[in-house]
């Protein structure tokens, strides 16, 4: 199965994070560090996951209520879920190694 980053479309967030480990990337297209974080997720994090977790991108401009629910005040913001429960969060540009360590520990 080809690994890919999922884009949140506005419905069923709880279901998407309910099972397994999910890294949620809160971002916006106008945010330079967000674009850089997205490139790192695609090039350095995703290939290392080997099905152990999924990555879900949430555009804060299109989903302000969800961003507010998780008190996202600065982007990029990454929130790590395990079986529907938030277990970690990262604010600002975060190194792939730090994210992979957190995912493996979840």
C-alpha atoms as a PDB file:
ATOM      1  CA  UNK A   1       0.000   0.000   0.000  1.00  0.00           C
ATOM      2  CA  UNK A   2       1.358   3.395  -0.961  1.00  0.00           C
ATOM      3  CA  UNK A   3       1.770   5.743   1.987  1.00  0.00           C
ATOM      4  CA  UNK A   4       0.242   9.169   1.516  1.00  0.00           C
ATOM      5  CA  UNK A   5      -0.728  12.251   3.462  1.00  0.00           C
ATOM      6  CA  UNK A   6      -4.485  12.684   3.857  1.00  0.00           C
ATOM      7  CA  UNK A   7      -6.172  16.071   3.512  1.00  0.00           C
ATOM      8  CA  UNK A   8      -9.018  16.663   5.942  1.00  0.00           C
ATOM      9  CA  UNK A   9     -12.190  17.548   4.085  1.00  0.00           C
ATOM     10  CA  UNK A  10     -14.313  18.801   6.969  1.00  0.00           C
ATOM     11  CA  UNK A  11     -16.181  15.683   8.098  1.00  0.00           C
ATOM     12  CA  UNK A  12     -15.491  12.796  10.429  1.00  0.00           C
ATOM     13  CA  UNK A  13     -12.372  14.045  12.209  1.00  0.00           C
ATOM     14  CA  UNK A  14     -13.005  11.863  15.270  1.00  0.00           C
ATOM     15  CA  UNK A  15     -13.347   8.783  13.073  1.00  0.00           C
ATOM     16  CA  UNK A  16     -10.090   9.573  11.245  1.00  0.00           C
ATOM     17  CA  UNK A  17      -8.098   9.704  14.497  1.00  0.00           C
ATOM     18  CA  UNK A  18     -10.069   7.023  16.380  1.00  0.00           C
ATOM     19  CA  UNK A  19      -7.807   4.068  15.599  1.00  0.00           C
ATOM     20  CA  UNK A  20      -4.046   3.794  15.618  1.00  0.00           C
ATOM     21  CA  UNK A  21      -1.564   6.662  15.585  1.00  0.00           C
ATOM     22  CA  UNK A  22      -2.336   9.824  13.625  1.00  0.00           C
ATOM     23  CA  UNK A  23      -0.204  12.948  13.260  1.00  0.00           C
ATOM     24  CA  UNK A  24      -2.417  15.951  12.483  1.00  0.00           C
ATOM     25  CA  UNK A  25      -0.727  18.895  10.756  1.00  0.00           C
ATOM     26  CA  UNK A  26      -2.623  22.179  11.268  1.00  0.00           C
ATOM     27  CA  UNK A  27      -1.424  24.503   8.499  1.00  0.00           C
ATOM     28  CA  UNK A  28      -2.363  27.210   5.982  1.00  0.00           C
ATOM     29  CA  UNK A  29      -1.235  27.674   2.361  1.00  0.00           C
ATOM     30  CA  UNK A  30       0.006  31.239   3.011  1.00  0.00           C
ATOM     31  CA  UNK A  31       2.299  30.079   5.867  1.00  0.00           C
ATOM     32  CA  UNK A  32       5.908  29.588   4.720  1.00  0.00           C
ATOM     33  CA  UNK A  33       6.973  27.446   7.709  1.00  0.00           C
ATOM     34  CA  UNK A  34       3.834  25.334   7.172  1.00  0.00           C
ATOM     35  CA  UNK A  35       4.841  24.618   3.584  1.00  0.00           C
ATOM     36  CA  UNK A  36       8.339  23.729   4.777  1.00  0.00           C
ATOM     37  CA  UNK A  37       6.900  21.426   7.472  1.00  0.00           C
ATOM     38  CA  UNK A  38       4.672  19.776   4.873  1.00  0.00           C
ATOM     39  CA  UNK A  39       7.660  19.090   2.628  1.00  0.00           C
ATOM     40  CA  UNK A  40       9.545  17.536   5.574  1.00  0.00           C
ATOM     41  CA  UNK A  41       6.550  15.362   6.430  1.00  0.00           C
ATOM     42  CA  UNK A  42       6.355  14.105   2.864  1.00  0.00           C
ATOM     43  CA  UNK A  43      10.076  13.584   2.262  1.00  0.00           C
ATOM     44  CA  UNK A  44      11.402  12.527   5.677  1.00  0.00           C
ATOM     45  CA  UNK A  45       8.577  11.376   7.947  1.00  0.00           C
ATOM     46  CA  UNK A  46       6.105   9.576   5.690  1.00  0.00           C
ATOM     47  CA  UNK A  47       8.656   7.147   4.166  1.00  0.00           C
ATOM     48  CA  UNK A  48       9.728   6.063   7.679  1.00  0.00           C
ATOM     49  CA  UNK A  49       6.230   5.304   8.972  1.00  0.00           C
ATOM     50  CA  UNK A  50       5.801   1.985   7.137  1.00  0.00           C
ATOM     51  CA  UNK A  51       2.112   1.889   7.972  1.00  0.00           C
ATOM     52  CA  UNK A  52       2.697   2.516  11.703  1.00  0.00           C
ATOM     53  CA  UNK A  53       0.845   5.853  11.583  1.00  0.00           C
ATOM     54  CA  UNK A  54      -0.979   8.187   9.242  1.00  0.00           C
ATOM     55  CA  UNK A  55      -0.612  11.908   8.603  1.00  0.00           C
ATOM     56  CA  UNK A  56      -3.658  14.143   8.294  1.00  0.00           C
ATOM     57  CA  UNK A  57      -3.367  17.759   7.113  1.00  0.00           C
ATOM     58  CA  UNK A  58      -5.956  20.280   8.354  1.00  0.00           C
ATOM     59  CA  UNK A  59      -6.122  23.669   6.639  1.00  0.00           C
ATOM     60  CA  UNK A  60      -6.942  26.121   9.461  1.00  0.00           C
ATOM     61  CA  UNK A  61      -8.503  28.625   7.038  1.00  0.00           C
ATOM     62  CA  UNK A  62     -11.003  26.000   5.866  1.00  0.00           C
ATOM     63  CA  UNK A  63     -11.526  24.417   9.324  1.00  0.00           C
ATOM     64  CA  UNK A  64     -11.362  27.226  11.912  1.00  0.00           C
ATOM     65  CA  UNK A  65     -13.709  25.452  14.345  1.00  0.00           C
ATOM     66  CA  UNK A  66     -11.470  22.376  14.472  1.00  0.00           C
ATOM     67  CA  UNK A  67      -8.379  24.546  14.942  1.00  0.00           C
ATOM     68  CA  UNK A  68     -10.144  26.363  17.784  1.00  0.00           C
ATOM     69  CA  UNK A  69     -11.183  23.060  19.362  1.00  0.00           C
ATOM     70  CA  UNK A  70      -7.497  22.141  19.693  1.00  0.00           C
ATOM     71  CA  UNK A  71      -6.531  25.695  20.689  1.00  0.00           C
ATOM     72  CA  UNK A  72      -4.274  26.172  17.678  1.00  0.00           C
ATOM     73  CA  UNK A  73      -3.006  29.737  17.920  1.00  0.00           C
ATOM     74  CA  UNK A  74       0.228  29.407  15.970  1.00  0.00           C
ATOM     75  CA  UNK A  75       1.023  27.344  12.889  1.00  0.00           C
ATOM     76  CA  UNK A  76       2.441  24.989  11.945  1.00  0.00           C
ATOM     77  CA  UNK A  77       1.000  23.016  14.825  1.00  0.00           C
ATOM     78  CA  UNK A  78       1.173  19.230  14.900  1.00  0.00           C
ATOM     79  CA  UNK A  79      -0.964  17.134  17.219  1.00  0.00           C
ATOM     80  CA  UNK A  80      -0.307  13.428  17.760  1.00  0.00           C
ATOM     81  CA  UNK A  81      -3.236  11.116  18.517  1.00  0.00           C
ATOM     82  CA  UNK A  82      -3.305   7.500  19.609  1.00  0.00           C
ATOM     83  CA  UNK A  83      -6.663   5.723  19.414  1.00  0.00           C
ATOM     84  CA  UNK A  84      -8.513   9.044  19.449  1.00  0.00           C
ATOM     85  CA  UNK A  85      -6.658  10.553  22.420  1.00  0.00           C
ATOM     86  CA  UNK A  86      -4.237  13.462  22.071  1.00  0.00           C
ATOM     87  CA  UNK A  87      -0.811  12.312  23.310  1.00  0.00           C
ATOM     88  CA  UNK A  88       1.571  15.048  22.149  1.00  0.00           C
ATOM     89  CA  UNK A  89       1.757  18.371  20.342  1.00  0.00           C
ATOM     90  CA  UNK A  90       4.417  20.387  18.551  1.00  0.00           C
ATOM     91  CA  UNK A  91       4.268  24.117  17.788  1.00  0.00           C
ATOM     92  CA  UNK A  92       6.367  25.598  15.007  1.00  0.00           C
ATOM     93  CA  UNK A  93       8.661  23.921  12.516  1.00  0.00           C
ATOM     94  CA  UNK A  94       9.565  20.538  14.003  1.00  0.00           C
ATOM     95  CA  UNK A  95      12.433  18.262  12.974  1.00  0.00           C
ATOM     96  CA  UNK A  96      11.485  14.938  11.374  1.00  0.00           C
ATOM     97  CA  UNK A  97      13.563  12.983  13.937  1.00  0.00           C
ATOM     98  CA  UNK A  98      11.594  14.513  16.820  1.00  0.00           C
ATOM     99  CA  UNK A  99       8.287  13.652  15.158  1.00  0.00           C
ATOM    100  CA  UNK A 100       9.375  10.098  14.355  1.00  0.00           C
ATOM    101  CA  UNK A 101      10.514   9.534  17.962  1.00  0.00           C
ATOM    102  CA  UNK A 102       7.128  10.723  19.247  1.00  0.00           C
ATOM    103  CA  UNK A 103       5.252   8.529  16.765  1.00  0.00           C
ATOM    104  CA  UNK A 104       7.303   5.470  17.690  1.00  0.00           C
ATOM    105  CA  UNK A 105       6.766   6.134  21.414  1.00  0.00           C
ATOM    106  CA  UNK A 106       3.010   6.436  20.922  1.00  0.00           C
END
